[in-house]
Amino acid sequence: MEMTKRLLFLDDIRYPIEAYHYTKQDIFLRKDWHIVRNYEQFVNRIMEKGLPELISFDHDLADQHYLKPDSQEYTEKTGYDCAKWLVEYCMDNYLDLPKFYCHSMNPVGKKNILSLLENFKQL
């Protein structure tokens, strides 16, 4: 029987062991990570399996230009979109936010995700 994956790793290309190499966080050595590569997989996983014990976010989820030409519209949803969805999901279902971490190498994206989640946790 497969051990239930209690940890959710959101990243379009990396694996938890790679995040360990630059974060030095032992949590990334655990074997019970479930990896999701994009917004849709992230939402579907939580809808099907419920909230994990911990979610680690990446911000940039596509190796392409984000802004459509001549607009402020994003073509791909980012880790920030996933974090926003998570906050709304928790509010709608009266759930506590799971533990979270952000292993993104995008400093602005990382700060945005963490401040969104931290602010919600304060409520």
PDB file of N, CA and C in Angstrom:
ATOM      1  N   MET A   1       0.849  -1.196   0.000  1.00  0.00           N
ATOM      2  CA  MET A   1       0.000   0.000   0.000  1.00  0.00           C
ATOM      3  C   MET A   1       0.890   1.254   0.000  1.00  0.00           C
ATOM      4  N   GLU A   2       0.603   2.151  -0.873  1.00  0.00           N
ATOM      5  CA  GLU A   2       1.402   3.371  -0.971  1.00  0.00           C
ATOM      6  C   GLU A   2       1.170   4.243   0.257  1.00  0.00           C
ATOM      7  N   MET A   3       2.265   4.734   0.817  1.00  0.00           N
ATOM      8  CA  MET A   3       2.132   5.637   1.954  1.00  0.00           C
ATOM      9  C   MET A   3       1.452   6.921   1.455  1.00  0.00           C
ATOM     10  N   THR A   4       0.472   7.395   2.189  1.00  0.00           N
ATOM     11  CA  THR A   4      -0.208   8.611   1.748  1.00  0.00           C
ATOM     12  C   THR A   4       0.799   9.745   1.718  1.00  0.00           C
ATOM     13  N   LYS A   5       0.793  10.455   0.631  1.00  0.00           N
ATOM     14  CA  LYS A   5       1.724  11.576   0.481  1.00  0.00           C
ATOM     15  C   LYS A   5       1.174  12.750   1.273  1.00  0.00           C
ATOM     16  N   ARG A   6       1.828  13.089   2.357  1.00  0.00           N
ATOM     17  CA  ARG A   6       1.328  14.139   3.240  1.00  0.00           C
ATOM     18  C   ARG A   6       1.950  15.493   2.934  1.00  0.00           C
ATOM     19  N   LEU A   7       2.940  15.504   2.060  1.00  0.00           N
ATOM     20  CA  LEU A   7       3.627  16.747   1.743  1.00  0.00           C
ATOM     21  C   LEU A   7       3.402  17.056   0.267  1.00  0.00           C
ATOM     22  N   LEU A   8       3.141  18.308  -0.035  1.00  0.00           N
ATOM     23  CA  LEU A   8       2.872  18.700  -1.413  1.00  0.00           C
ATOM     24  C   LEU A   8       3.966  19.641  -1.896  1.00  0.00           C
ATOM     25  N   PHE A   9       4.591  19.283  -2.994  1.00  0.00           N
ATOM     26  CA  PHE A   9       5.704  20.037  -3.565  1.00  0.00           C
ATOM     27  C   PHE A   9       5.256  20.600  -4.907  1.00  0.00           C
ATOM     28  N   LEU A  10       5.104  21.923  -4.954  1.00  0.00           N
ATOM     29  CA  LEU A  10       4.660  22.591  -6.184  1.00  0.00           C
ATOM     30  C   LEU A  10       5.875  23.159  -6.909  1.00  0.00           C
ATOM     31  N   ASP A  11       6.188  22.601  -8.067  1.00  0.00           N
ATOM     32  CA  ASP A  11       7.338  23.072  -8.844  1.00  0.00           C
ATOM     33  C   ASP A  11       7.219  22.518 -10.254  1.00  0.00           C
ATOM     34  N   ASP A  12       7.443  23.355 -11.256  1.00  0.00           N
ATOM     35  CA  ASP A  12       7.280  22.862 -12.626  1.00  0.00           C
ATOM     36  C   ASP A  12       8.406  21.937 -13.072  1.00  0.00           C
ATOM     37  N   ILE A  13       9.603  22.064 -12.505  1.00  0.00           N
ATOM     38  CA  ILE A  13      10.702  21.204 -12.968  1.00  0.00           C
ATOM     39  C   ILE A  13      11.494  20.502 -11.874  1.00  0.00           C
ATOM     40  N   ARG A  14      11.631  21.157 -10.717  1.00  0.00           N
ATOM     41  CA  ARG A  14      12.501  20.585  -9.689  1.00  0.00           C
ATOM     42  C   ARG A  14      11.844  19.465  -8.900  1.00  0.00           C
ATOM     43  N   TYR A  15      12.696  18.722  -8.206  1.00  0.00           N
ATOM     44  CA  TYR A  15      12.273  17.685  -7.265  1.00  0.00           C
ATOM     45  C   TYR A  15      12.694  18.128  -5.872  1.00  0.00           C
ATOM     46  N   PRO A  16      12.049  17.576  -4.829  1.00  0.00           N
ATOM     47  CA  PRO A  16      12.385  18.004  -3.462  1.00  0.00           C
ATOM     48  C   PRO A  16      13.878  17.912  -3.137  1.00  0.00           C
ATOM     49  N   ILE A  17      14.560  16.880  -3.619  1.00  0.00           N
ATOM     50  CA  ILE A  17      15.993  16.750  -3.314  1.00  0.00           C
ATOM     51  C   ILE A  17      16.781  17.937  -3.862  1.00  0.00           C
ATOM     52  N   GLU A  18      16.341  18.482  -4.988  1.00  0.00           N
ATOM     53  CA  GLU A  18      17.034  19.646  -5.561  1.00  0.00           C
ATOM     54  C   GLU A  18      16.816  20.878  -4.690  1.00  0.00           C
ATOM     55  N   ALA A  19      15.622  21.014  -4.139  1.00  0.00           N
ATOM     56  CA  ALA A  19      15.355  22.134  -3.236  1.00  0.00           C
ATOM     57  C   ALA A  19      16.223  21.990  -1.977  1.00  0.00           C
ATOM     58  N   TYR A  20      16.437  20.739  -1.547  1.00  0.00           N
ATOM     59  CA  TYR A  20      17.291  20.514  -0.374  1.00  0.00           C
ATOM     60  C   TYR A  20      18.692  21.069  -0.614  1.00  0.00           C
ATOM     61  N   HIS A  21      19.212  20.893  -1.809  1.00  0.00           N
ATOM     62  CA  HIS A  21      20.587  21.300  -2.096  1.00  0.00           C
ATOM     63  C   HIS A  21      20.835  22.793  -1.877  1.00  0.00           C
ATOM     64  N   TYR A  22      19.834  23.633  -2.158  1.00  0.00           N
ATOM     65  CA  TYR A  22      20.088  25.065  -1.934  1.00  0.00           C
ATOM     66  C   TYR A  22      19.396  25.624  -0.703  1.00  0.00           C
ATOM     67  N   THR A  23      18.417  24.908  -0.149  1.00  0.00           N
ATOM     68  CA  THR A  23      17.772  25.438   1.063  1.00  0.00           C
ATOM     69  C   THR A  23      18.372  24.821   2.327  1.00  0.00           C
ATOM     70  N   LYS A  24      18.929  23.617   2.189  1.00  0.00           N
ATOM     71  CA  LYS A  24      19.465  22.839   3.327  1.00  0.00           C
ATOM     72  C   LYS A  24      18.390  22.537   4.367  1.00  0.00           C
ATOM     73  N   GLN A  25      17.133  22.483   3.924  1.00  0.00           N
ATOM     74  CA  GLN A  25      16.031  22.133   4.819  1.00  0.00           C
ATOM     75  C   GLN A  25      15.824  20.613   4.767  1.00  0.00           C
ATOM     76  N   ASP A  26      15.972  19.964   5.910  1.00  0.00           N
ATOM     77  CA  ASP A  26      15.867  18.499   5.957  1.00  0.00           C
ATOM     78  C   ASP A  26      14.513  17.968   5.493  1.00  0.00           C
ATOM     79  N   ILE A  27      13.474  18.795   5.594  1.00  0.00           N
ATOM     80  CA  ILE A  27      12.142  18.352   5.179  1.00  0.00           C
ATOM     81  C   ILE A  27      12.177  17.835   3.736  1.00  0.00           C
ATOM     82  N   PHE A  28      13.057  18.407   2.910  1.00  0.00           N
ATOM     83  CA  PHE A  28      13.120  18.019   1.498  1.00  0.00           C
ATOM     84  C   PHE A  28      13.752  16.643   1.286  1.00  0.00           C
ATOM     85  N   LEU A  29      14.276  16.052   2.353  1.00  0.00           N
ATOM     86  CA  LEU A  29      14.838  14.701   2.257  1.00  0.00           C
ATOM     87  C   LEU A  29      13.764  13.640   2.483  1.00  0.00           C
ATOM     88  N   ARG A  30      12.600  14.069   2.965  1.00  0.00           N
ATOM     89  CA  ARG A  30      11.536  13.087   3.215  1.00  0.00           C
ATOM     90  C   ARG A  30      11.058  12.462   1.912  1.00  0.00           C
ATOM     91  N   LYS A  31      10.550  11.243   2.040  1.00  0.00           N
ATOM     92  CA  LYS A  31      10.137  10.494   0.851  1.00  0.00           C
ATOM     93  C   LYS A  31       8.649  10.637   0.542  1.00  0.00           C
ATOM     94  N   ASP A  32       7.903  11.274   1.454  1.00  0.00           N
ATOM     95  CA  ASP A  32       6.449  11.297   1.245  1.00  0.00           C
ATOM     96  C   ASP A  32       5.939  12.578   0.587  1.00  0.00           C
ATOM     97  N   TRP A  33       6.725  13.111  -0.343  1.00  0.00           N
ATOM     98  CA  TRP A  33       6.297  14.268  -1.119  1.00  0.00           C
ATOM     99  C   TRP A  33       5.427  13.819  -2.282  1.00  0.00           C
ATOM    100  N   HIS A  34       4.384  14.560  -2.537  1.00  0.00           N
ATOM    101  CA  HIS A  34       3.633  14.385  -3.787  1.00  0.00           C
ATOM    102  C   HIS A  34       3.956  15.629  -4.609  1.00  0.00           C
ATOM    103  N   ILE A  35       4.383  15.435  -5.845  1.00  0.00           N
ATOM    104  CA  ILE A  35       4.815  16.558  -6.677  1.00  0.00           C
ATOM    105  C   ILE A  35       3.699  16.975  -7.633  1.00  0.00           C
ATOM    106  N   VAL A  36       3.401  18.258  -7.634  1.00  0.00           N
ATOM    107  CA  VAL A  36       2.465  18.806  -8.619  1.00  0.00           C
ATOM    108  C   VAL A  36       3.227  19.859  -9.426  1.00  0.00           C
ATOM    109  N   ARG A  37       2.939  19.899 -10.716  1.00  0.00           N
ATOM    110  CA  ARG A  37       3.726  20.725 -11.635  1.00  0.00           C
ATOM    111  C   ARG A  37       3.070  22.037 -12.037  1.00  0.00           C
ATOM    112  N   ASN A  38       1.762  22.196 -11.762  1.00  0.00           N
ATOM    113  CA  ASN A  38       1.094  23.426 -12.181  1.00  0.00           C
ATOM    114  C   ASN A  38      -0.141  23.676 -11.328  1.00  0.00           C
ATOM    115  N   TYR A  39      -0.797  24.780 -11.613  1.00  0.00           N
ATOM    116  CA  TYR A  39      -1.969  25.223 -10.848  1.00  0.00           C
ATOM    117  C   TYR A  39      -3.070  24.165 -10.862  1.00  0.00           C
ATOM    118  N   GLU A  40      -3.352  23.634 -12.031  1.00  0.00           N
ATOM    119  CA  GLU A  40      -4.435  22.671 -12.171  1.00  0.00           C
ATOM    120  C   GLU A  40      -4.175  21.406 -11.335  1.00  0.00           C
ATOM    121  N   GLN A  41      -2.952  20.891 -11.390  1.00  0.00           N
ATOM    122  CA  GLN A  41      -2.604  19.702 -10.600  1.00  0.00           C
ATOM    123  C   GLN A  41      -2.685  20.006  -9.106  1.00  0.00           C
ATOM    124  N   PHE A  42      -2.262  21.216  -8.735  1.00  0.00           N
ATOM    125  CA  PHE A  42      -2.283  21.645  -7.336  1.00  0.00           C
ATOM    126  C   PHE A  42      -3.723  21.625  -6.802  1.00  0.00           C
ATOM    127  N   VAL A  43      -4.622  22.287  -7.533  1.00  0.00           N
ATOM    128  CA  VAL A  43      -6.023  22.366  -7.127  1.00  0.00           C
ATOM    129  C   VAL A  43      -6.653  20.968  -7.091  1.00  0.00           C
ATOM    130  N   ASN A  44      -6.427  20.192  -8.137  1.00  0.00           N
ATOM    131  CA  ASN A  44      -7.027  18.856  -8.216  1.00  0.00           C
ATOM    132  C   ASN A  44      -6.564  17.962  -7.074  1.00  0.00           C
ATOM    133  N   ARG A  45      -5.285  18.027  -6.764  1.00  0.00           N
ATOM    134  CA  ARG A  45      -4.739  17.177  -5.695  1.00  0.00           C
ATOM    135  C   ARG A  45      -5.421  17.480  -4.362  1.00  0.00           C
ATOM    136  N   ILE A  46      -5.566  18.767  -4.041  1.00  0.00           N
ATOM    137  CA  ILE A  46      -6.178  19.146  -2.761  1.00  0.00           C
ATOM    138  C   ILE A  46      -7.669  18.827  -2.761  1.00  0.00           C
ATOM    139  N   MET A  47      -8.338  19.022  -3.897  1.00  0.00           N
ATOM    140  CA  MET A  47      -9.762  18.701  -3.985  1.00  0.00           C
ATOM    141  C   MET A  47      -9.982  17.194  -3.781  1.00  0.00           C
ATOM    142  N   GLU A  48      -9.063  16.379  -4.317  1.00  0.00           N
ATOM    143  CA  GLU A  48      -9.215  14.924  -4.220  1.00  0.00           C
ATOM    144  C   GLU A  48      -8.752  14.359  -2.881  1.00  0.00           C
ATOM    145  N   LYS A  49      -7.632  14.877  -2.372  1.00  0.00           N
ATOM    146  CA  LYS A  49      -7.002  14.252  -1.204  1.00  0.00           C
ATOM    147  C   LYS A  49      -7.110  15.074   0.072  1.00  0.00           C
ATOM    148  N   GLY A  50      -7.623  16.296  -0.041  1.00  0.00           N
ATOM    149  CA  GLY A  50      -7.666  17.159   1.134  1.00  0.00           C
ATOM    150  C   GLY A  50      -6.330  17.860   1.347  1.00  0.00           C
ATOM    151  N   LEU A  51      -6.259  18.662   2.393  1.00  0.00           N
ATOM    152  CA  LEU A  51      -5.050  19.442   2.649  1.00  0.00           C
ATOM    153  C   LEU A  51      -3.912  18.550   3.127  1.00  0.00           C
ATOM    154  N   PRO A  52      -2.714  18.799   2.623  1.00  0.00           N
ATOM    155  CA  PRO A  52      -1.553  18.064   3.122  1.00  0.00           C
ATOM    156  C   PRO A  52      -1.069  18.676   4.434  1.00  0.00           C
ATOM    157  N   GLU A  53      -0.088  18.028   5.027  1.00  0.00           N
ATOM    158  CA  GLU A  53       0.524  18.517   6.265  1.00  0.00           C
ATOM    159  C   GLU A  53       1.341  19.779   5.966  1.00  0.00           C
ATOM    160  N   LEU A  54       1.996  19.798   4.807  1.00  0.00           N
ATOM    161  CA  LEU A  54       2.836  20.935   4.434  1.00  0.00           C
ATOM    162  C   LEU A  54       2.831  21.098   2.924  1.00  0.00           C
ATOM    163  N   ILE A  55       2.901  22.340   2.479  1.00  0.00           N
ATOM    164  CA  ILE A  55       3.022  22.627   1.044  1.00  0.00           C
ATOM    165  C   ILE A  55       4.272  23.470   0.847  1.00  0.00           C
ATOM    166  N   SER A  56       5.101  23.074  -0.107  1.00  0.00           N
ATOM    167  CA  SER A  56       6.234  23.915  -0.468  1.00  0.00           C
ATOM    168  C   SER A  56       5.966  24.497  -1.851  1.00  0.00           C
ATOM    169  N   PHE A  57       6.027  25.822  -1.929  1.00  0.00           N
ATOM    170  CA  PHE A  57       5.680  26.530  -3.152  1.00  0.00           C
ATOM    171  C   PHE A  57       6.892  26.965  -3.962  1.00  0.00           C
ATOM    172  N   ASP A  58       6.759  26.833  -5.260  1.00  0.00           N
ATOM    173  CA  ASP A  58       7.659  27.506  -6.195  1.00  0.00           C
ATOM    174  C   ASP A  58       6.800  28.630  -6.769  1.00  0.00           C
ATOM    175  N   HIS A  59       7.414  29.715  -7.217  1.00  0.00           N
ATOM    176  CA  HIS A  59       6.607  30.794  -7.784  1.00  0.00           C
ATOM    177  C   HIS A  59       6.440  30.644  -9.290  1.00  0.00           C
ATOM    178  N   ASP A  60       7.538  30.547 -10.014  1.00  0.00           N
ATOM    179  CA  ASP A  60       7.482  30.541 -11.474  1.00  0.00           C
ATOM    180  C   ASP A  60       7.186  29.131 -11.970  1.00  0.00           C
ATOM    181  N   LEU A  61       6.028  28.947 -12.555  1.00  0.00           N
ATOM    182  CA  LEU A  61       5.621  27.595 -12.919  1.00  0.00           C
ATOM    183  C   LEU A  61       5.655  27.315 -14.411  1.00  0.00           C
ATOM    184  N   ALA A  62       6.302  28.142 -15.176  1.00  0.00           N
ATOM    185  CA  ALA A  62       6.433  27.846 -16.596  1.00  0.00           C
ATOM    186  C   ALA A  62       7.689  28.510 -17.109  1.00  0.00           C
ATOM    187  N   ASP A  63       8.411  27.792 -17.935  1.00  0.00           N
ATOM    188  CA  ASP A  63       9.655  28.342 -18.452  1.00  0.00           C
ATOM    189  C   ASP A  63       9.347  29.145 -19.705  1.00  0.00           C
ATOM    190  N   GLN A  64       8.602  30.212 -19.528  1.00  0.00           N
ATOM    191  CA  GLN A  64       8.235  31.040 -20.671  1.00  0.00           C
ATOM    192  C   GLN A  64       7.942  32.444 -20.168  1.00  0.00           C
ATOM    193  N   HIS A  65       7.740  33.353 -21.096  1.00  0.00           N
ATOM    194  CA  HIS A  65       7.433  34.720 -20.689  1.00  0.00           C
ATOM    195  C   HIS A  65       6.059  34.779 -20.066  1.00  0.00           C
ATOM    196  N   TYR A  66       5.957  35.502 -18.970  1.00  0.00           N
ATOM    197  CA  TYR A  66       4.696  35.534 -18.251  1.00  0.00           C
ATOM    198  C   TYR A  66       3.686  36.492 -18.829  1.00  0.00           C
ATOM    199  N   LEU A  67       4.136  37.674 -19.194  1.00  0.00           N
ATOM    200  CA  LEU A  67       3.162  38.673 -19.637  1.00  0.00           C
ATOM    201  C   LEU A  67       2.865  38.493 -21.115  1.00  0.00           C
ATOM    202  N   LYS A  68       1.579  38.481 -21.446  1.00  0.00           N
ATOM    203  CA  LYS A  68       1.203  38.465 -22.854  1.00  0.00           C
ATOM    204  C   LYS A  68       1.640  39.800 -23.430  1.00  0.00           C
ATOM    205  N   PRO A  69       2.030  39.823 -24.691  1.00  0.00           N
ATOM    206  CA  PRO A  69       2.466  41.095 -25.305  1.00  0.00           C
ATOM    207  C   PRO A  69       1.402  42.175 -25.139  1.00  0.00           C
ATOM    208  N   ASP A  70       1.840  43.384 -24.824  1.00  0.00           N
ATOM    209  CA  ASP A  70       0.959  44.548 -24.704  1.00  0.00           C
ATOM    210  C   ASP A  70      -0.149  44.394 -23.665  1.00  0.00           C
ATOM    211  N   SER A  71       0.088  43.586 -22.628  1.00  0.00           N
ATOM    212  CA  SER A  71      -0.950  43.495 -21.602  1.00  0.00           C
ATOM    213  C   SER A  71      -0.320  43.156 -20.265  1.00  0.00           C
ATOM    214  N   GLN A  72      -1.104  43.316 -19.230  1.00  0.00           N
ATOM    215  CA  GLN A  72      -0.611  42.966 -17.899  1.00  0.00           C
ATOM    216  C   GLN A  72      -1.116  41.583 -17.505  1.00  0.00           C
ATOM    217  N   GLU A  73      -1.588  40.826 -18.464  1.00  0.00           N
ATOM    218  CA  GLU A  73      -2.208  39.541 -18.185  1.00  0.00           C
ATOM    219  C   GLU A  73      -1.170  38.426 -18.191  1.00  0.00           C
ATOM    220  N   TYR A  74      -1.249  37.554 -17.207  1.00  0.00           N
ATOM    221  CA  TYR A  74      -0.335  36.423 -17.161  1.00  0.00           C
ATOM    222  C   TYR A  74      -0.865  35.289 -18.030  1.00  0.00           C
ATOM    223  N   THR A  75       0.045  34.621 -18.711  1.00  0.00           N
ATOM    224  CA  THR A  75      -0.366  33.484 -19.524  1.00  0.00           C
ATOM    225  C   THR A  75      -0.400  32.215 -18.675  1.00  0.00           C
ATOM    226  N   GLU A  76       0.497  32.108 -17.726  1.00  0.00           N
ATOM    227  CA  GLU A  76       0.551  30.918 -16.879  1.00  0.00           C
ATOM    228  C   GLU A  76       0.237  31.303 -15.454  1.00  0.00           C
ATOM    229  N   LYS A  77      -0.454  30.452 -14.747  1.00  0.00           N
ATOM    230  CA  LYS A  77      -0.673  30.730 -13.336  1.00  0.00           C
ATOM    231  C   LYS A  77       0.620  30.403 -12.575  1.00  0.00           C
ATOM    232  N   THR A  78       0.882  31.193 -11.541  1.00  0.00           N
ATOM    233  CA  THR A  78       2.114  31.037 -10.760  1.00  0.00           C
ATOM    234  C   THR A  78       1.818  30.384  -9.409  1.00  0.00           C
ATOM    235  N   GLY A  79       2.866  30.187  -8.641  1.00  0.00           N
ATOM    236  CA  GLY A  79       2.695  29.681  -7.290  1.00  0.00           C
ATOM    237  C   GLY A  79       1.866  30.636  -6.449  1.00  0.00           C
ATOM    238  N   TYR A  80       1.926  31.922  -6.787  1.00  0.00           N
ATOM    239  CA  TYR A  80       1.117  32.902  -6.052  1.00  0.00           C
ATOM    240  C   TYR A  80      -0.374  32.641  -6.290  1.00  0.00           C
ATOM    241  N   ASP A  81      -0.739  32.296  -7.516  1.00  0.00           N
ATOM    242  CA  ASP A  81      -2.135  31.954  -7.812  1.00  0.00           C
ATOM    243  C   ASP A  81      -2.567  30.735  -7.002  1.00  0.00           C
ATOM    244  N   CYS A  82      -1.659  29.776  -6.862  1.00  0.00           N
ATOM    245  CA  CYS A  82      -1.957  28.575  -6.072  1.00  0.00           C
ATOM    246  C   CYS A  82      -2.168  28.951  -4.608  1.00  0.00           C
ATOM    247  N   ALA A  83      -1.327  29.839  -4.098  1.00  0.00           N
ATOM    248  CA  ALA A  83      -1.442  30.276  -2.700  1.00  0.00           C
ATOM    249  C   ALA A  83      -2.761  31.025  -2.485  1.00  0.00           C
ATOM    250  N   LYS A  84      -3.150  31.863  -3.455  1.00  0.00           N
ATOM    251  CA  LYS A  84      -4.426  32.588  -3.354  1.00  0.00           C
ATOM    252  C   LYS A  84      -5.594  31.610  -3.353  1.00  0.00           C
ATOM    253  N   TRP A  85      -5.521  30.609  -4.225  1.00  0.00           N
ATOM    254  CA  TRP A  85      -6.581  29.599  -4.266  1.00  0.00           C
ATOM    255  C   TRP A  85      -6.654  28.867  -2.927  1.00  0.00           C
ATOM    256  N   LEU A  86      -5.502  28.535  -2.377  1.00  0.00           N
ATOM    257  CA  LEU A  86      -5.440  27.813  -1.102  1.00  0.00           C
ATOM    258  C   LEU A  86      -6.105  28.618   0.018  1.00  0.00           C
ATOM    259  N   VAL A  87      -5.818  29.912   0.078  1.00  0.00           N
ATOM    260  CA  VAL A  87      -6.405  30.775   1.107  1.00  0.00           C
ATOM    261  C   VAL A  87      -7.936  30.784   0.968  1.00  0.00           C
ATOM    262  N   GLU A  88      -8.428  30.927  -0.266  1.00  0.00           N
ATOM    263  CA  GLU A  88      -9.881  30.942  -0.478  1.00  0.00           C
ATOM    264  C   GLU A  88     -10.500  29.596  -0.128  1.00  0.00           C
ATOM    265  N   TYR A  89      -9.813  28.521  -0.480  1.00  0.00           N
ATOM    266  CA  TYR A  89     -10.299  27.175  -0.174  1.00  0.00           C
ATOM    267  C   TYR A  89     -10.405  26.985   1.343  1.00  0.00           C
ATOM    268  N   CYS A  90      -9.391  27.420   2.070  1.00  0.00           N
ATOM    269  CA  CYS A  90      -9.406  27.297   3.535  1.00  0.00           C
ATOM    270  C   CYS A  90     -10.516  28.148   4.143  1.00  0.00           C
ATOM    271  N   MET A  91     -10.692  29.374   3.634  1.00  0.00           N
ATOM    272  CA  MET A  91     -11.748  30.239   4.156  1.00  0.00           C
ATOM    273  C   MET A  91     -13.120  29.637   3.890  1.00  0.00           C
ATOM    274  N   ASP A  92     -13.344  29.183   2.656  1.00  0.00           N
ATOM    275  CA  ASP A  92     -14.655  28.636   2.279  1.00  0.00           C
ATOM    276  C   ASP A  92     -15.004  27.384   3.073  1.00  0.00           C
ATOM    277  N   ASN A  93     -13.989  26.626   3.464  1.00  0.00           N
ATOM    278  CA  ASN A  93     -14.235  25.342   4.138  1.00  0.00           C
ATOM    279  C   ASN A  93     -13.889  25.376   5.630  1.00  0.00           C
ATOM    280  N   TYR A  94     -13.633  26.589   6.152  1.00  0.00           N
ATOM    281  CA  TYR A  94     -13.315  26.764   7.577  1.00  0.00           C
ATOM    282  C   TYR A  94     -12.152  25.866   8.004  1.00  0.00           C
ATOM    283  N   LEU A  95     -11.108  25.850   7.193  1.00  0.00           N
ATOM    284  CA  LEU A  95      -9.947  25.006   7.488  1.00  0.00           C
ATOM    285  C   LEU A  95      -8.753  25.865   7.873  1.00  0.00           C
ATOM    286  N   ASP A  96      -7.888  25.294   8.701  1.00  0.00           N
ATOM    287  CA  ASP A  96      -6.632  25.972   8.999  1.00  0.00           C
ATOM    288  C   ASP A  96      -5.686  25.765   7.829  1.00  0.00           C
ATOM    289  N   LEU A  97      -4.889  26.775   7.586  1.00  0.00           N
ATOM    290  CA  LEU A  97      -3.867  26.681   6.556  1.00  0.00           C
ATOM    291  C   LEU A  97      -2.864  25.593   6.949  1.00  0.00           C
ATOM    292  N   PRO A  98      -2.460  24.747   6.004  1.00  0.00           N
ATOM    293  CA  PRO A  98      -1.398  23.791   6.355  1.00  0.00           C
ATOM    294  C   PRO A  98      -0.080  24.541   6.545  1.00  0.00           C
ATOM    295  N   LYS A  99       0.924  23.856   7.081  1.00  0.00           N
ATOM    296  CA  LYS A  99       2.250  24.478   7.153  1.00  0.00           C
ATOM    297  C   LYS A  99       2.699  24.766   5.728  1.00  0.00           C
ATOM    298  N   PHE A 100       3.508  25.794   5.575  1.00  0.00           N
ATOM    299  CA  PHE A 100       3.956  26.125   4.226  1.00  0.00           C
ATOM    300  C   PHE A 100       5.415  26.574   4.229  1.00  0.00           C
ATOM    301  N   TYR A 101       6.007  26.441   3.070  1.00  0.00           N
ATOM    302  CA  TYR A 101       7.389  26.834   2.853  1.00  0.00           C
ATOM    303  C   TYR A 101       7.427  27.325   1.419  1.00  0.00           C
ATOM    304  N   CYS A 102       8.376  28.178   1.105  1.00  0.00           N
ATOM    305  CA  CYS A 102       8.521  28.604  -0.281  1.00  0.00           C
ATOM    306  C   CYS A 102       9.964  28.398  -0.703  1.00  0.00           C
ATOM    307  N   HIS A 103      10.175  27.480  -1.634  1.00  0.00           N
ATOM    308  CA  HIS A 103      11.543  27.178  -2.085  1.00  0.00           C
ATOM    309  C   HIS A 103      11.877  27.895  -3.395  1.00  0.00           C
ATOM    310  N   SER A 104      11.043  28.843  -3.785  1.00  0.00           N
ATOM    311  CA  SER A 104      11.240  29.547  -5.055  1.00  0.00           C
ATOM    312  C   SER A 104      12.555  30.335  -5.050  1.00  0.00           C
ATOM    313  N   MET A 105      13.191  30.398  -6.218  1.00  0.00           N
ATOM    314  CA  MET A 105      14.409  31.211  -6.348  1.00  0.00           C
ATOM    315  C   MET A 105      14.077  32.628  -6.811  1.00  0.00           C
ATOM    316  N   ASN A 106      12.812  32.906  -7.019  1.00  0.00           N
ATOM    317  CA  ASN A 106      12.382  34.240  -7.421  1.00  0.00           C
ATOM    318  C   ASN A 106      12.091  35.021  -6.139  1.00  0.00           C
ATOM    319  N   PRO A 107      12.992  35.960  -5.758  1.00  0.00           N
ATOM    320  CA  PRO A 107      12.858  36.624  -4.450  1.00  0.00           C
ATOM    321  C   PRO A 107      11.556  37.413  -4.303  1.00  0.00           C
ATOM    322  N   VAL A 108      11.104  38.068  -5.362  1.00  0.00           N
ATOM    323  CA  VAL A 108       9.870  38.850  -5.287  1.00  0.00           C
ATOM    324  C   VAL A 108       8.675  37.909  -5.187  1.00  0.00           C
ATOM    325  N   GLY A 109       8.665  36.884  -6.020  1.00  0.00           N
ATOM    326  CA  GLY A 109       7.578  35.913  -5.992  1.00  0.00           C
ATOM    327  C   GLY A 109       7.488  35.219  -4.649  1.00  0.00           C
ATOM    328  N   LYS A 110       8.656  34.876  -4.105  1.00  0.00           N
ATOM    329  CA  LYS A 110       8.716  34.196  -2.810  1.00  0.00           C
ATOM    330  C   LYS A 110       8.131  35.075  -1.712  1.00  0.00           C
ATOM    331  N   LYS A 111       8.534  36.348  -1.709  1.00  0.00           N
ATOM    332  CA  LYS A 111       8.055  37.291  -0.712  1.00  0.00           C
ATOM    333  C   LYS A 111       6.534  37.458  -0.818  1.00  0.00           C
ATOM    334  N   ASN A 112       6.022  37.538  -2.050  1.00  0.00           N
ATOM    335  CA  ASN A 112       4.575  37.696  -2.256  1.00  0.00           C
ATOM    336  C   ASN A 112       3.796  36.503  -1.714  1.00  0.00           C
ATOM    337  N   ILE A 113       4.274  35.297  -2.007  1.00  0.00           N
ATOM    338  CA  ILE A 113       3.593  34.086  -1.538  1.00  0.00           C
ATOM    339  C   ILE A 113       3.606  34.037  -0.014  1.00  0.00           C
ATOM    340  N   LEU A 114       4.780  34.252   0.574  1.00  0.00           N
ATOM    341  CA  LEU A 114       4.894  34.159   2.028  1.00  0.00           C
ATOM    342  C   LEU A 114       4.085  35.231   2.731  1.00  0.00           C
ATOM    343  N   SER A 115       4.070  36.459   2.208  1.00  0.00           N
ATOM    344  CA  SER A 115       3.310  37.495   2.910  1.00  0.00           C
ATOM    345  C   SER A 115       1.807  37.241   2.783  1.00  0.00           C
ATOM    346  N   LEU A 116       1.349  36.744   1.639  1.00  0.00           N
ATOM    347  CA  LEU A 116      -0.061  36.385   1.496  1.00  0.00           C
ATOM    348  C   LEU A 116      -0.454  35.333   2.541  1.00  0.00           C
ATOM    349  N   LEU A 117       0.339  34.270   2.641  1.00  0.00           N
ATOM    350  CA  LEU A 117      -0.008  33.179   3.560  1.00  0.00           C
ATOM    351  C   LEU A 117       0.142  33.588   5.022  1.00  0.00           C
ATOM    352  N   GLU A 118       1.193  34.347   5.328  1.00  0.00           N
ATOM    353  CA  GLU A 118       1.396  34.820   6.696  1.00  0.00           C
ATOM    354  C   GLU A 118       0.234  35.717   7.131  1.00  0.00           C
ATOM    355  N   ASN A 119      -0.194  36.612   6.233  1.00  0.00           N
ATOM    356  CA  ASN A 119      -1.299  37.519   6.556  1.00  0.00           C
ATOM    357  C   ASN A 119      -2.578  36.742   6.817  1.00  0.00           C
ATOM    358  N   PHE A 120      -2.820  35.721   6.016  1.00  0.00           N
ATOM    359  CA  PHE A 120      -4.030  34.921   6.233  1.00  0.00           C
ATOM    360  C   PHE A 120      -3.956  34.187   7.559  1.00  0.00           C
ATOM    361  N   LYS A 121      -2.778  33.695   7.899  1.00  0.00           N
ATOM    362  CA  LYS A 121      -2.600  32.956   9.151  1.00  0.00           C
ATOM    363  C   LYS A 121      -2.891  33.843  10.365  1.00  0.00           C
ATOM    364  N   GLN A 122      -2.615  35.146  10.220  1.00  0.00           N
ATOM    365  CA  GLN A 122      -2.838  36.095  11.331  1.00  0.00           C
ATOM    366  C   GLN A 122      -4.326  36.303  11.621  1.00  0.00           C
ATOM    367  N   LEU A 123      -5.162  36.051  10.623  1.00  0.00           N
ATOM    368  CA  LEU A 123      -6.604  36.338  10.778  1.00  0.00           C
ATOM    369  C   LEU A 123      -7.259  35.502  11.860  1.00  0.00           C
TER     370      LEU A 123
END
